[in-house]
Amino acid sequence: MVARAEDIKILEKIIDIAKRELNPVEYARFLALITPKRGDTVKELRELRDKETYEEIVERLKKKGVIITP
């Protein structure tokens, strides 16, 4: 399905409203709800988990500048 210019403008308006009206957690959940899903995300996460330990994942994220809070 190809989005037309006016469809894109409507989506941008909805995103702006959601960003303004929702708190960060609600906004993240909203984005997750409207994002197309492909594949088996649980399986993919388990495969990633099996390749690295928790500590390795945290260290990799810290190197990318992600702030980790306990």
PDB file of N, CA and C in Angstrom:
ATOM      1  N   MET A   1       0.832  -1.167   0.000  1.00  0.00           N
ATOM      2  CA  MET A   1       0.000   0.000   0.000  1.00  0.00           C
ATOM      3  C   MET A   1       0.890   1.248   0.000  1.00  0.00           C
ATOM      4  N   VAL A   2       0.668   2.121  -0.919  1.00  0.00           N
ATOM      5  CA  VAL A   2       1.444   3.345  -1.037  1.00  0.00           C
ATOM      6  C   VAL A   2       0.675   4.481  -0.363  1.00  0.00           C
ATOM      7  N   ALA A   3       1.351   5.187   0.540  1.00  0.00           N
ATOM      8  CA  ALA A   3       0.709   6.296   1.237  1.00  0.00           C
ATOM      9  C   ALA A   3       0.748   7.542   0.362  1.00  0.00           C
ATOM     10  N   ARG A   4      -0.371   8.217   0.286  1.00  0.00           N
ATOM     11  CA  ARG A   4      -0.443   9.468  -0.460  1.00  0.00           C
ATOM     12  C   ARG A   4       0.043  10.600   0.426  1.00  0.00           C
ATOM     13  N   ALA A   5       0.349  11.738  -0.170  1.00  0.00           N
ATOM     14  CA  ALA A   5       0.870  12.883   0.566  1.00  0.00           C
ATOM     15  C   ALA A   5      -0.073  13.322   1.678  1.00  0.00           C
ATOM     16  N   GLU A   6      -1.380  13.359   1.391  1.00  0.00           N
ATOM     17  CA  GLU A   6      -2.312  13.781   2.437  1.00  0.00           C
ATOM     18  C   GLU A   6      -2.412  12.755   3.562  1.00  0.00           C
ATOM     19  N   ASP A   7      -2.228  11.469   3.230  1.00  0.00           N
ATOM     20  CA  ASP A   7      -2.213  10.438   4.272  1.00  0.00           C
ATOM     21  C   ASP A   7      -1.014  10.633   5.192  1.00  0.00           C
ATOM     22  N   ILE A   8       0.127  10.945   4.611  1.00  0.00           N
ATOM     23  CA  ILE A   8       1.338  11.161   5.401  1.00  0.00           C
ATOM     24  C   ILE A   8       1.167  12.366   6.316  1.00  0.00           C
ATOM     25  N   LYS A   9       0.527  13.427   5.807  1.00  0.00           N
ATOM     26  CA  LYS A   9       0.291  14.617   6.634  1.00  0.00           C
ATOM     27  C   LYS A   9      -0.610  14.289   7.818  1.00  0.00           C
ATOM     28  N   ILE A  10      -1.620  13.461   7.593  1.00  0.00           N
ATOM     29  CA  ILE A  10      -2.514  13.047   8.682  1.00  0.00           C
ATOM     30  C   ILE A  10      -1.731  12.250   9.727  1.00  0.00           C
ATOM     31  N   LEU A  11      -0.904  11.314   9.270  1.00  0.00           N
ATOM     32  CA  LEU A  11      -0.107  10.518  10.206  1.00  0.00           C
ATOM     33  C   LEU A  11       0.853  11.397  11.002  1.00  0.00           C
ATOM     34  N   GLU A  12       1.474  12.371  10.343  1.00  0.00           N
ATOM     35  CA  GLU A  12       2.385  13.282  11.039  1.00  0.00           C
ATOM     36  C   GLU A  12       1.634  14.082  12.105  1.00  0.00           C
ATOM     37  N   LYS A  13       0.424  14.499  11.790  1.00  0.00           N
ATOM     38  CA  LYS A  13      -0.394  15.250  12.742  1.00  0.00           C
ATOM     39  C   LYS A  13      -0.737  14.379  13.951  1.00  0.00           C
ATOM     40  N   ILE A  14      -1.103  13.138  13.697  1.00  0.00           N
ATOM     41  CA  ILE A  14      -1.430  12.210  14.783  1.00  0.00           C
ATOM     42  C   ILE A  14      -0.210  11.983  15.673  1.00  0.00           C
ATOM     43  N   ILE A  15       0.951  11.793  15.074  1.00  0.00           N
ATOM     44  CA  ILE A  15       2.191  11.587  15.834  1.00  0.00           C
ATOM     45  C   ILE A  15       2.489  12.812  16.697  1.00  0.00           C
ATOM     46  N   ASP A  16       2.332  14.009  16.126  1.00  0.00           N
ATOM     47  CA  ASP A  16       2.574  15.245  16.891  1.00  0.00           C
ATOM     48  C   ASP A  16       1.621  15.357  18.079  1.00  0.00           C
ATOM     49  N   ILE A  17       0.356  15.031  17.860  1.00  0.00           N
ATOM     50  CA  ILE A  17      -0.632  15.079  18.948  1.00  0.00           C
ATOM     51  C   ILE A  17      -0.268  14.073  20.035  1.00  0.00           C
ATOM     52  N   ALA A  18       0.066  12.855  19.621  1.00  0.00           N
ATOM     53  CA  ALA A  18       0.422  11.814  20.590  1.00  0.00           C
ATOM     54  C   ALA A  18       1.660  12.226  21.379  1.00  0.00           C
ATOM     55  N   LYS A  19       2.658  12.774  20.710  1.00  0.00           N
ATOM     56  CA  LYS A  19       3.890  13.200  21.366  1.00  0.00           C
ATOM     57  C   LYS A  19       3.601  14.278  22.416  1.00  0.00           C
ATOM     58  N   ARG A  20       2.693  15.156  22.100  1.00  0.00           N
ATOM     59  CA  ARG A  20       2.356  16.265  22.987  1.00  0.00           C
ATOM     60  C   ARG A  20       1.474  15.812  24.158  1.00  0.00           C
ATOM     61  N   GLU A  21       0.535  14.911  23.906  1.00  0.00           N
ATOM     62  CA  GLU A  21      -0.479  14.560  24.903  1.00  0.00           C
ATOM     63  C   GLU A  21      -0.136  13.352  25.773  1.00  0.00           C
ATOM     64  N   LEU A  22       0.755  12.491  25.319  1.00  0.00           N
ATOM     65  CA  LEU A  22       1.076  11.282  26.072  1.00  0.00           C
ATOM     66  C   LEU A  22       2.375  11.451  26.839  1.00  0.00           C
ATOM     67  N   ASN A  23       2.476  10.767  27.965  1.00  0.00           N
ATOM     68  CA  ASN A  23       3.761  10.774  28.674  1.00  0.00           C
ATOM     69  C   ASN A  23       4.713   9.839  27.915  1.00  0.00           C
ATOM     70  N   PRO A  24       6.010   9.855  28.239  1.00  0.00           N
ATOM     71  CA  PRO A  24       6.971   9.052  27.469  1.00  0.00           C
ATOM     72  C   PRO A  24       6.644   7.559  27.389  1.00  0.00           C
ATOM     73  N   VAL A  25       6.160   6.989  28.484  1.00  0.00           N
ATOM     74  CA  VAL A  25       5.831   5.557  28.475  1.00  0.00           C
ATOM     75  C   VAL A  25       4.631   5.294  27.561  1.00  0.00           C
ATOM     76  N   GLU A  26       3.609   6.123  27.664  1.00  0.00           N
ATOM     77  CA  GLU A  26       2.427   5.965  26.812  1.00  0.00           C
ATOM     78  C   GLU A  26       2.801   6.162  25.343  1.00  0.00           C
ATOM     79  N   TYR A  27       3.659   7.144  25.074  1.00  0.00           N
ATOM     80  CA  TYR A  27       4.079   7.421  23.700  1.00  0.00           C
ATOM     81  C   TYR A  27       4.842   6.229  23.112  1.00  0.00           C
ATOM     82  N   ALA A  28       5.726   5.644  23.911  1.00  0.00           N
ATOM     83  CA  ALA A  28       6.466   4.466  23.452  1.00  0.00           C
ATOM     84  C   ALA A  28       5.516   3.304  23.171  1.00  0.00           C
ATOM     85  N   ARG A  29       4.524   3.112  24.046  1.00  0.00           N
ATOM     86  CA  ARG A  29       3.539   2.037  23.825  1.00  0.00           C
ATOM     87  C   ARG A  29       2.714   2.310  22.572  1.00  0.00           C
ATOM     88  N   PHE A  30       2.345   3.592  22.366  1.00  0.00           N
ATOM     89  CA  PHE A  30       1.593   3.970  21.172  1.00  0.00           C
ATOM     90  C   PHE A  30       2.395   3.639  19.908  1.00  0.00           C
ATOM     91  N   LEU A  31       3.664   4.013  19.895  1.00  0.00           N
ATOM     92  CA  LEU A  31       4.504   3.724  18.729  1.00  0.00           C
ATOM     93  C   LEU A  31       4.624   2.222  18.494  1.00  0.00           C
ATOM     94  N   ALA A  32       4.745   1.464  19.579  1.00  0.00           N
ATOM     95  CA  ALA A  32       4.827   0.004  19.440  1.00  0.00           C
ATOM     96  C   ALA A  32       3.536  -0.563  18.857  1.00  0.00           C
ATOM     97  N   LEU A  33       2.409   0.023  19.240  1.00  0.00           N
ATOM     98  CA  LEU A  33       1.118  -0.457  18.741  1.00  0.00           C
ATOM     99  C   LEU A  33       0.923  -0.191  17.254  1.00  0.00           C
ATOM    100  N   ILE A  34       1.434   0.944  16.765  1.00  0.00           N
ATOM    101  CA  ILE A  34       1.188   1.294  15.365  1.00  0.00           C
ATOM    102  C   ILE A  34       2.306   0.856  14.424  1.00  0.00           C
ATOM    103  N   THR A  35       3.385   0.323  14.983  1.00  0.00           N
ATOM    104  CA  THR A  35       4.505  -0.123  14.158  1.00  0.00           C
ATOM    105  C   THR A  35       4.208  -1.506  13.593  1.00  0.00           C
ATOM    106  N   PRO A  36       4.384  -1.669  12.281  1.00  0.00           N
ATOM    107  CA  PRO A  36       4.140  -2.987  11.694  1.00  0.00           C
ATOM    108  C   PRO A  36       5.049  -4.054  12.317  1.00  0.00           C
ATOM    109  N   LYS A  37       4.494  -5.208  12.555  1.00  0.00           N
ATOM    110  CA  LYS A  37       5.252  -6.309  13.153  1.00  0.00           C
ATOM    111  C   LYS A  37       5.590  -7.336  12.076  1.00  0.00           C
ATOM    112  N   ARG A  38       6.808  -7.830  12.145  1.00  0.00           N
ATOM    113  CA  ARG A  38       7.227  -8.887  11.218  1.00  0.00           C
ATOM    114  C   ARG A  38       7.994  -9.938  12.003  1.00  0.00           C
ATOM    115  N   GLY A  39       7.800 -11.154  11.661  1.00  0.00           N
ATOM    116  CA  GLY A  39       8.557 -12.217  12.286  1.00  0.00           C
ATOM    117  C   GLY A  39       8.109 -12.528  13.700  1.00  0.00           C
ATOM    118  N   ASP A  40       8.906 -13.319  14.370  1.00  0.00           N
ATOM    119  CA  ASP A  40       8.634 -13.758  15.729  1.00  0.00           C
ATOM    120  C   ASP A  40       9.600 -13.035  16.662  1.00  0.00           C
ATOM    121  N   THR A  41       9.148 -11.912  17.241  1.00  0.00           N
ATOM    122  CA  THR A  41      10.041 -11.106  18.059  1.00  0.00           C
ATOM    123  C   THR A  41      10.499 -11.833  19.320  1.00  0.00           C
ATOM    124  N   VAL A  42       9.649 -12.668  19.891  1.00  0.00           N
ATOM    125  CA  VAL A  42      10.040 -13.417  21.082  1.00  0.00           C
ATOM    126  C   VAL A  42      11.194 -14.348  20.733  1.00  0.00           C
ATOM    127  N   LYS A  43      11.079 -15.034  19.622  1.00  0.00           N
ATOM    128  CA  LYS A  43      12.145 -15.938  19.180  1.00  0.00           C
ATOM    129  C   LYS A  43      13.436 -15.162  18.932  1.00  0.00           C
ATOM    130  N   GLU A  44      13.324 -13.997  18.281  1.00  0.00           N
ATOM    131  CA  GLU A  44      14.499 -13.188  17.993  1.00  0.00           C
ATOM    132  C   GLU A  44      15.165 -12.708  19.277  1.00  0.00           C
ATOM    133  N   LEU A  45      14.366 -12.283  20.263  1.00  0.00           N
ATOM    134  CA  LEU A  45      14.934 -11.850  21.539  1.00  0.00           C
ATOM    135  C   LEU A  45      15.613 -12.999  22.269  1.00  0.00           C
ATOM    136  N   ARG A  46      15.009 -14.170  22.219  1.00  0.00           N
ATOM    137  CA  ARG A  46      15.631 -15.337  22.864  1.00  0.00           C
ATOM    138  C   ARG A  46      16.955 -15.688  22.188  1.00  0.00           C
ATOM    139  N   GLU A  47      16.998 -15.583  20.866  1.00  0.00           N
ATOM    140  CA  GLU A  47      18.241 -15.870  20.150  1.00  0.00           C
ATOM    141  C   GLU A  47      19.333 -14.868  20.536  1.00  0.00           C
ATOM    142  N   LEU A  48      18.966 -13.596  20.647  1.00  0.00           N
ATOM    143  CA  LEU A  48      19.930 -12.583  21.083  1.00  0.00           C
ATOM    144  C   LEU A  48      20.396 -12.861  22.502  1.00  0.00           C
ATOM    145  N   ARG A  49      19.456 -13.197  23.372  1.00  0.00           N
ATOM    146  CA  ARG A  49      19.782 -13.482  24.763  1.00  0.00           C
ATOM    147  C   ARG A  49      20.755 -14.655  24.866  1.00  0.00           C
ATOM    148  N   ASP A  50      20.574 -15.644  24.009  1.00  0.00           N
ATOM    149  CA  ASP A  50      21.426 -16.824  24.056  1.00  0.00           C
ATOM    150  C   ASP A  50      22.839 -16.552  23.536  1.00  0.00           C
ATOM    151  N   LYS A  51      23.019 -15.471  22.769  1.00  0.00           N
ATOM    152  CA  LYS A  51      24.338 -15.143  22.208  1.00  0.00           C
ATOM    153  C   LYS A  51      25.184 -14.317  23.169  1.00  0.00           C
ATOM    154  N   GLU A  52      24.555 -13.522  24.017  1.00  0.00           N
ATOM    155  CA  GLU A  52      25.273 -12.640  24.925  1.00  0.00           C
ATOM    156  C   GLU A  52      24.711 -12.754  26.330  1.00  0.00           C
ATOM    157  N   THR A  53      25.581 -12.537  27.303  1.00  0.00           N
ATOM    158  CA  THR A  53      25.114 -12.503  28.678  1.00  0.00           C
ATOM    159  C   THR A  53      24.492 -11.134  28.945  1.00  0.00           C
ATOM    160  N   TYR A  54      23.782 -11.042  30.044  1.00  0.00           N
ATOM    161  CA  TYR A  54      23.187  -9.768  30.445  1.00  0.00           C
ATOM    162  C   TYR A  54      24.266  -8.694  30.573  1.00  0.00           C
ATOM    163  N   GLU A  55      25.375  -9.064  31.199  1.00  0.00           N
ATOM    164  CA  GLU A  55      26.470  -8.121  31.412  1.00  0.00           C
ATOM    165  C   GLU A  55      27.038  -7.630  30.079  1.00  0.00           C
ATOM    166  N   GLU A  56      27.172  -8.521  29.107  1.00  0.00           N
ATOM    167  CA  GLU A  56      27.684  -8.133  27.788  1.00  0.00           C
ATOM    168  C   GLU A  56      26.727  -7.171  27.083  1.00  0.00           C
ATOM    169  N   ILE A  57      25.447  -7.430  27.221  1.00  0.00           N
ATOM    170  CA  ILE A  57      24.442  -6.550  26.607  1.00  0.00           C
ATOM    171  C   ILE A  57      24.500  -5.169  27.251  1.00  0.00           C
ATOM    172  N   VAL A  58      24.557  -5.121  28.594  1.00  0.00           N
ATOM    173  CA  VAL A  58      24.628  -3.847  29.310  1.00  0.00           C
ATOM    174  C   VAL A  58      25.894  -3.092  28.902  1.00  0.00           C
ATOM    175  N   GLU A  59      27.017  -3.776  28.834  1.00  0.00           N
ATOM    176  CA  GLU A  59      28.277  -3.134  28.450  1.00  0.00           C
ATOM    177  C   GLU A  59      28.208  -2.569  27.036  1.00  0.00           C
ATOM    178  N   ARG A  60      27.617  -3.315  26.119  1.00  0.00           N
ATOM    179  CA  ARG A  60      27.475  -2.846  24.734  1.00  0.00           C
ATOM    180  C   ARG A  60      26.596  -1.602  24.675  1.00  0.00           C
ATOM    181  N   LEU A  61      25.513  -1.601  25.452  1.00  0.00           N
ATOM    182  CA  LEU A  61      24.621  -0.447  25.481  1.00  0.00           C
ATOM    183  C   LEU A  61      25.324   0.776  26.079  1.00  0.00           C
ATOM    184  N   LYS A  62      26.102   0.564  27.136  1.00  0.00           N
ATOM    185  CA  LYS A  62      26.835   1.675  27.752  1.00  0.00           C
ATOM    186  C   LYS A  62      27.820   2.292  26.762  1.00  0.00           C
ATOM    187  N   LYS A  63      28.470   1.450  25.957  1.00  0.00           N
ATOM    188  CA  LYS A  63      29.415   1.952  24.947  1.00  0.00           C
ATOM    189  C   LYS A  63      28.707   2.819  23.920  1.00  0.00           C
ATOM    190  N   LYS A  64      27.421   2.564  23.708  1.00  0.00           N
ATOM    191  CA  LYS A  64      26.646   3.358  22.761  1.00  0.00           C
ATOM    192  C   LYS A  64      26.075   4.612  23.412  1.00  0.00           C
ATOM    193  N   GLY A  65      26.341   4.793  24.727  1.00  0.00           N
ATOM    194  CA  GLY A  65      25.878   5.991  25.402  1.00  0.00           C
ATOM    195  C   GLY A  65      24.527   5.862  26.089  1.00  0.00           C
ATOM    196  N   VAL A  66      23.989   4.647  26.154  1.00  0.00           N
ATOM    197  CA  VAL A  66      22.703   4.439  26.809  1.00  0.00           C
ATOM    198  C   VAL A  66      22.926   4.491  28.321  1.00  0.00           C
ATOM    199  N   ILE A  67      22.064   5.231  29.006  1.00  0.00           N
ATOM    200  CA  ILE A  67      22.148   5.321  30.462  1.00  0.00           C
ATOM    201  C   ILE A  67      21.354   4.166  31.052  1.00  0.00           C
ATOM    202  N   ILE A  68      22.025   3.353  31.824  1.00  0.00           N
ATOM    203  CA  ILE A  68      21.406   2.181  32.445  1.00  0.00           C
ATOM    204  C   ILE A  68      21.105   2.506  33.900  1.00  0.00           C
ATOM    205  N   THR A  69      19.853   2.371  34.303  1.00  0.00           N
ATOM    206  CA  THR A  69      19.474   2.591  35.701  1.00  0.00           C
ATOM    207  C   THR A  69      19.000   1.280  36.294  1.00  0.00           C
ATOM    208  N   PRO A  70      19.373   1.046  37.548  1.00  0.00           N
ATOM    209  CA  PRO A  70      18.967  -0.228  38.186  1.00  0.00           C
ATOM    210  C   PRO A  70      17.492  -0.300  38.454  1.00  0.00           C
TER     211      PRO A  70
END
